[in-house]
N, C-alpha and C. Protein backbone atom coordinates (compact mmCIF):
# COMPACT_ATOMS: atom_id res chain seq x y z
N MET A 1 -28.71 -7.46 19.16
CA MET A 1 -27.56 -8.23 18.85
C MET A 1 -27.96 -9.46 18.11
N SER A 2 -27.28 -9.83 17.10
CA SER A 2 -27.62 -11.01 16.21
C SER A 2 -27.32 -12.29 16.85
N PRO A 3 -28.12 -13.33 16.61
CA PRO A 3 -27.87 -14.67 17.14
C PRO A 3 -26.61 -15.27 16.51
N GLU A 4 -26.08 -14.76 15.42
CA GLU A 4 -24.92 -15.44 14.80
C GLU A 4 -23.63 -15.14 15.56
N GLY A 5 -23.58 -14.35 16.58
CA GLY A 5 -22.35 -14.13 17.34
C GLY A 5 -21.50 -13.03 16.74
N PRO A 6 -20.37 -12.82 17.37
CA PRO A 6 -19.55 -11.70 16.90
C PRO A 6 -18.83 -12.02 15.59
N ILE A 7 -18.41 -10.97 14.90
CA ILE A 7 -17.67 -11.03 13.69
C ILE A 7 -16.45 -10.19 13.78
N GLY A 8 -15.45 -10.39 13.06
CA GLY A 8 -14.25 -9.68 12.99
C GLY A 8 -14.15 -8.75 11.88
N VAL A 9 -13.89 -7.49 12.00
CA VAL A 9 -13.72 -6.46 10.90
C VAL A 9 -12.42 -5.86 11.00
N THR A 10 -11.62 -5.85 9.80
CA THR A 10 -10.35 -5.08 9.81
C THR A 10 -10.69 -3.68 9.42
N VAL A 11 -10.15 -2.77 10.26
CA VAL A 11 -10.33 -1.33 10.05
C VAL A 11 -8.95 -0.76 9.67
N LYS A 12 -8.97 -0.03 8.55
CA LYS A 12 -7.64 0.57 8.11
C LYS A 12 -7.75 2.08 8.21
N PHE A 13 -6.67 2.68 8.54
CA PHE A 13 -6.58 4.19 8.67
C PHE A 13 -5.49 4.67 7.78
N PHE A 14 -5.74 5.76 7.01
CA PHE A 14 -4.83 6.24 6.16
C PHE A 14 -4.52 7.82 6.45
N GLY A 15 -3.38 8.24 5.98
CA GLY A 15 -3.05 9.62 6.09
C GLY A 15 -2.90 10.05 7.64
N GLY A 16 -3.39 11.24 8.01
CA GLY A 16 -3.32 11.67 9.32
C GLY A 16 -4.20 10.84 10.26
N LEU A 17 -5.18 10.13 9.85
CA LEU A 17 -6.00 9.26 10.70
C LEU A 17 -5.18 8.18 11.28
N ARG A 18 -4.15 7.73 10.57
CA ARG A 18 -3.31 6.68 11.02
C ARG A 18 -2.59 7.13 12.41
N GLU A 19 -2.18 8.38 12.39
CA GLU A 19 -1.52 8.92 13.55
C GLU A 19 -2.46 9.05 14.75
N LEU A 20 -3.71 9.49 14.46
CA LEU A 20 -4.75 9.60 15.51
C LEU A 20 -5.09 8.27 16.07
N ALA A 21 -5.20 7.24 15.27
CA ALA A 21 -5.48 5.89 15.67
C ALA A 21 -4.35 5.16 16.37
N GLY A 22 -3.08 5.73 16.20
CA GLY A 22 -1.98 5.03 16.67
C GLY A 22 -1.46 3.81 15.93
N SER A 23 -2.08 3.51 14.81
CA SER A 23 -1.81 2.33 14.02
C SER A 23 -2.41 2.54 12.66
N GLY A 24 -1.93 1.76 11.69
CA GLY A 24 -2.52 1.82 10.36
C GLY A 24 -3.71 0.88 10.28
N SER A 25 -3.87 -0.06 11.21
CA SER A 25 -5.05 -0.89 11.11
C SER A 25 -5.37 -1.47 12.48
N ALA A 26 -6.60 -1.97 12.58
CA ALA A 26 -7.05 -2.55 13.82
C ALA A 26 -8.05 -3.68 13.47
N PHE A 27 -8.09 -4.67 14.29
CA PHE A 27 -9.05 -5.80 14.12
C PHE A 27 -10.17 -5.57 15.19
N VAL A 28 -11.37 -5.32 14.82
CA VAL A 28 -12.38 -4.99 15.72
C VAL A 28 -13.56 -6.05 15.73
N ALA A 29 -13.94 -6.58 16.93
CA ALA A 29 -14.97 -7.47 17.02
C ALA A 29 -16.32 -6.69 17.21
N ILE A 30 -17.27 -7.02 16.41
CA ILE A 30 -18.61 -6.44 16.55
C ILE A 30 -19.65 -7.51 16.44
N PRO A 31 -20.83 -7.27 16.90
CA PRO A 31 -21.94 -8.35 16.80
C PRO A 31 -22.28 -8.59 15.30
N GLY A 32 -22.60 -9.93 14.99
CA GLY A 32 -22.97 -10.19 13.71
C GLY A 32 -24.21 -9.42 13.28
N GLY A 33 -24.31 -9.02 12.06
CA GLY A 33 -25.48 -8.23 11.63
C GLY A 33 -25.31 -6.75 11.80
N SER A 34 -24.10 -6.29 12.25
CA SER A 34 -23.80 -4.89 12.50
C SER A 34 -23.63 -4.14 11.23
N ARG A 35 -23.91 -2.84 11.30
CA ARG A 35 -23.74 -1.95 10.17
C ARG A 35 -22.52 -0.98 10.47
N LEU A 36 -22.18 -0.23 9.46
CA LEU A 36 -21.05 0.72 9.55
C LEU A 36 -21.25 1.60 10.78
N SER A 37 -22.49 2.09 11.04
CA SER A 37 -22.66 2.95 12.16
C SER A 37 -22.38 2.31 13.48
N GLU A 38 -22.62 0.97 13.58
CA GLU A 38 -22.36 0.30 14.87
C GLU A 38 -20.84 0.13 14.99
N LEU A 39 -20.15 -0.05 13.90
CA LEU A 39 -18.62 -0.08 13.99
C LEU A 39 -18.11 1.23 14.50
N LEU A 40 -18.64 2.35 13.97
CA LEU A 40 -18.21 3.65 14.37
C LEU A 40 -18.51 3.84 15.92
N ALA A 41 -19.65 3.34 16.39
CA ALA A 41 -19.96 3.43 17.81
C ALA A 41 -18.93 2.56 18.64
N ARG A 42 -18.47 1.46 18.10
CA ARG A 42 -17.51 0.64 18.80
C ARG A 42 -16.11 1.40 18.78
N LEU A 43 -15.78 2.12 17.67
CA LEU A 43 -14.52 2.84 17.65
C LEU A 43 -14.60 4.00 18.67
N ASP A 44 -15.77 4.51 18.87
CA ASP A 44 -15.83 5.57 19.93
C ASP A 44 -15.25 5.19 21.29
N GLY A 45 -15.45 3.90 21.71
CA GLY A 45 -14.89 3.37 22.87
C GLY A 45 -13.47 2.96 22.83
N LEU A 46 -13.05 2.44 21.68
CA LEU A 46 -11.73 1.99 21.40
C LEU A 46 -10.70 3.09 21.17
N LEU A 47 -11.08 4.08 20.29
CA LEU A 47 -10.18 5.12 19.88
C LEU A 47 -10.93 6.43 19.86
N PRO A 48 -11.25 6.96 20.95
CA PRO A 48 -12.11 8.20 21.08
C PRO A 48 -11.60 9.30 20.26
N GLY A 49 -10.36 9.67 20.19
CA GLY A 49 -9.79 10.75 19.52
C GLY A 49 -10.01 10.54 18.02
N ALA A 50 -9.61 9.40 17.51
CA ALA A 50 -9.77 9.11 16.10
C ALA A 50 -11.23 9.01 15.76
N ALA A 51 -12.01 8.43 16.59
CA ALA A 51 -13.43 8.28 16.20
C ALA A 51 -14.13 9.71 16.03
N GLU A 52 -13.76 10.69 16.96
CA GLU A 52 -14.28 11.97 16.86
C GLU A 52 -13.92 12.61 15.51
N LYS A 53 -12.66 12.49 15.13
CA LYS A 53 -12.23 13.04 13.85
C LYS A 53 -12.89 12.39 12.65
N LEU A 54 -13.08 10.99 12.76
CA LEU A 54 -13.85 10.34 11.71
C LEU A 54 -15.24 10.86 11.57
N ARG A 55 -15.91 10.99 12.63
CA ARG A 55 -17.33 11.49 12.60
C ARG A 55 -17.33 12.90 12.01
N THR A 56 -16.45 13.75 12.39
CA THR A 56 -16.43 15.15 11.83
C THR A 56 -16.10 15.03 10.33
N GLY A 57 -15.14 14.31 9.97
CA GLY A 57 -14.82 14.10 8.51
C GLY A 57 -15.91 13.53 7.68
N LEU A 58 -16.61 12.60 8.25
CA LEU A 58 -17.76 11.95 7.55
C LEU A 58 -18.90 12.95 7.39
N SER A 59 -19.15 13.63 8.48
CA SER A 59 -20.34 14.54 8.41
C SER A 59 -20.02 15.79 7.50
N GLN A 60 -18.81 16.10 7.39
CA GLN A 60 -18.41 17.22 6.54
C GLN A 60 -17.99 16.80 5.10
N GLY A 61 -17.95 15.51 4.92
CA GLY A 61 -17.70 14.98 3.58
C GLY A 61 -16.29 14.95 3.17
N TYR A 62 -15.32 15.10 4.02
CA TYR A 62 -13.89 15.04 3.59
C TYR A 62 -13.12 13.78 4.02
N VAL A 63 -13.84 12.80 4.53
CA VAL A 63 -13.36 11.45 4.75
C VAL A 63 -14.14 10.45 3.99
N HIS A 64 -13.50 9.68 3.21
CA HIS A 64 -14.20 8.63 2.42
C HIS A 64 -14.06 7.32 3.17
N VAL A 65 -15.15 6.52 3.08
CA VAL A 65 -15.12 5.20 3.71
C VAL A 65 -15.38 4.22 2.60
N LEU A 66 -14.41 3.19 2.70
CA LEU A 66 -14.54 2.11 1.74
C LEU A 66 -14.78 0.78 2.52
N VAL A 67 -15.80 0.13 2.06
CA VAL A 67 -16.20 -1.15 2.63
C VAL A 67 -15.92 -2.24 1.59
N ASP A 68 -14.91 -3.09 1.98
CA ASP A 68 -14.46 -4.09 1.03
C ASP A 68 -14.01 -3.53 -0.34
N GLY A 69 -13.42 -2.41 -0.24
CA GLY A 69 -12.81 -1.71 -1.45
C GLY A 69 -13.76 -0.87 -2.21
N ARG A 70 -15.05 -0.77 -1.74
CA ARG A 70 -16.05 0.04 -2.47
C ARG A 70 -16.43 1.25 -1.62
N ASP A 71 -16.37 2.41 -2.29
CA ASP A 71 -16.69 3.69 -1.64
C ASP A 71 -18.23 3.67 -1.18
N VAL A 72 -18.43 3.88 0.14
CA VAL A 72 -19.80 3.82 0.65
C VAL A 72 -20.74 4.77 -0.07
N ALA A 73 -20.14 5.96 -0.51
CA ALA A 73 -21.00 6.99 -1.18
C ALA A 73 -21.63 6.37 -2.48
N PHE A 74 -21.09 5.30 -3.01
CA PHE A 74 -21.66 4.65 -4.24
C PHE A 74 -22.41 3.43 -3.92
N LEU A 75 -22.48 2.99 -2.67
CA LEU A 75 -23.30 1.89 -2.31
C LEU A 75 -24.69 2.27 -2.05
N SER A 76 -25.65 1.36 -2.13
CA SER A 76 -26.98 1.69 -1.85
C SER A 76 -27.14 1.91 -0.35
N GLY A 77 -27.37 3.08 0.12
CA GLY A 77 -27.41 3.33 1.51
C GLY A 77 -26.01 3.73 2.05
N GLU A 78 -25.92 4.59 2.95
CA GLU A 78 -24.65 4.96 3.55
C GLU A 78 -24.28 4.16 4.81
N ASP A 79 -25.07 3.16 5.18
CA ASP A 79 -24.84 2.46 6.37
C ASP A 79 -24.86 0.97 6.07
N PRO A 80 -23.88 0.47 5.29
CA PRO A 80 -23.92 -0.88 4.87
C PRO A 80 -23.79 -1.97 5.91
N LEU A 81 -24.29 -3.09 5.67
CA LEU A 81 -24.16 -4.26 6.58
C LEU A 81 -22.76 -4.80 6.43
N LEU A 82 -22.13 -5.10 7.50
CA LEU A 82 -20.75 -5.60 7.56
C LEU A 82 -20.82 -7.13 7.82
N SER A 83 -19.96 -7.89 7.15
CA SER A 83 -19.96 -9.28 7.32
C SER A 83 -18.58 -9.74 7.91
N GLU A 84 -18.53 -11.04 8.25
CA GLU A 84 -17.28 -11.64 8.76
C GLU A 84 -16.15 -11.28 7.78
N GLU A 85 -15.02 -10.83 8.33
CA GLU A 85 -13.82 -10.55 7.58
C GLU A 85 -13.98 -9.30 6.65
N SER A 86 -15.06 -8.47 6.86
CA SER A 86 -15.18 -7.20 6.07
C SER A 86 -13.87 -6.39 6.37
N SER A 87 -13.52 -5.50 5.38
CA SER A 87 -12.50 -4.55 5.55
C SER A 87 -13.12 -3.16 5.39
N VAL A 88 -12.83 -2.32 6.38
CA VAL A 88 -13.38 -0.94 6.33
C VAL A 88 -12.16 -0.01 6.35
N ALA A 89 -12.05 0.90 5.38
CA ALA A 89 -10.91 1.86 5.25
C ALA A 89 -11.42 3.28 5.30
N PHE A 90 -10.75 4.06 6.13
CA PHE A 90 -11.09 5.47 6.28
C PHE A 90 -9.95 6.28 5.59
N VAL A 91 -10.34 6.97 4.58
CA VAL A 91 -9.36 7.72 3.77
C VAL A 91 -9.57 9.22 3.68
N PRO A 92 -8.70 9.99 4.34
CA PRO A 92 -8.85 11.41 4.23
C PRO A 92 -8.50 11.89 2.73
N PRO A 93 -8.81 13.12 2.50
CA PRO A 93 -8.44 13.68 1.12
C PRO A 93 -6.97 13.64 0.96
N LEU A 94 -6.59 13.35 -0.35
CA LEU A 94 -5.17 13.39 -0.63
C LEU A 94 -4.90 14.67 -1.37
N GLY A 95 -3.80 15.26 -1.12
CA GLY A 95 -3.35 16.44 -1.70
C GLY A 95 -1.95 16.36 -2.35
N GLY A 96 -1.63 17.14 -3.20
CA GLY A 96 -0.30 17.12 -3.82
C GLY A 96 -0.22 18.13 -4.95
N GLY A 97 0.83 18.12 -5.55
CA GLY A 97 1.11 19.11 -6.66
C GLY A 97 2.29 18.77 -7.44
């Protein structure tokens, strides 16, 4: 745990993930110095059904994660450091025709 204390992160859910989470967004407190993986661990306790689907989607590559509007796949490393007031969005694939 970081000596800087807890930070607040806004988590946004889109598409079917919104239904699993029961809301379009949540404000989650995590220790300062936390990474995306630690946020996911926190979501395991808060939203177990949604967290399981997120982990499956992430491991199979069909859920995109945006940290502060930037796709994690294009950031250096896939486990970015989160800061106070970071915004993390989980976006499932979009379809249409």
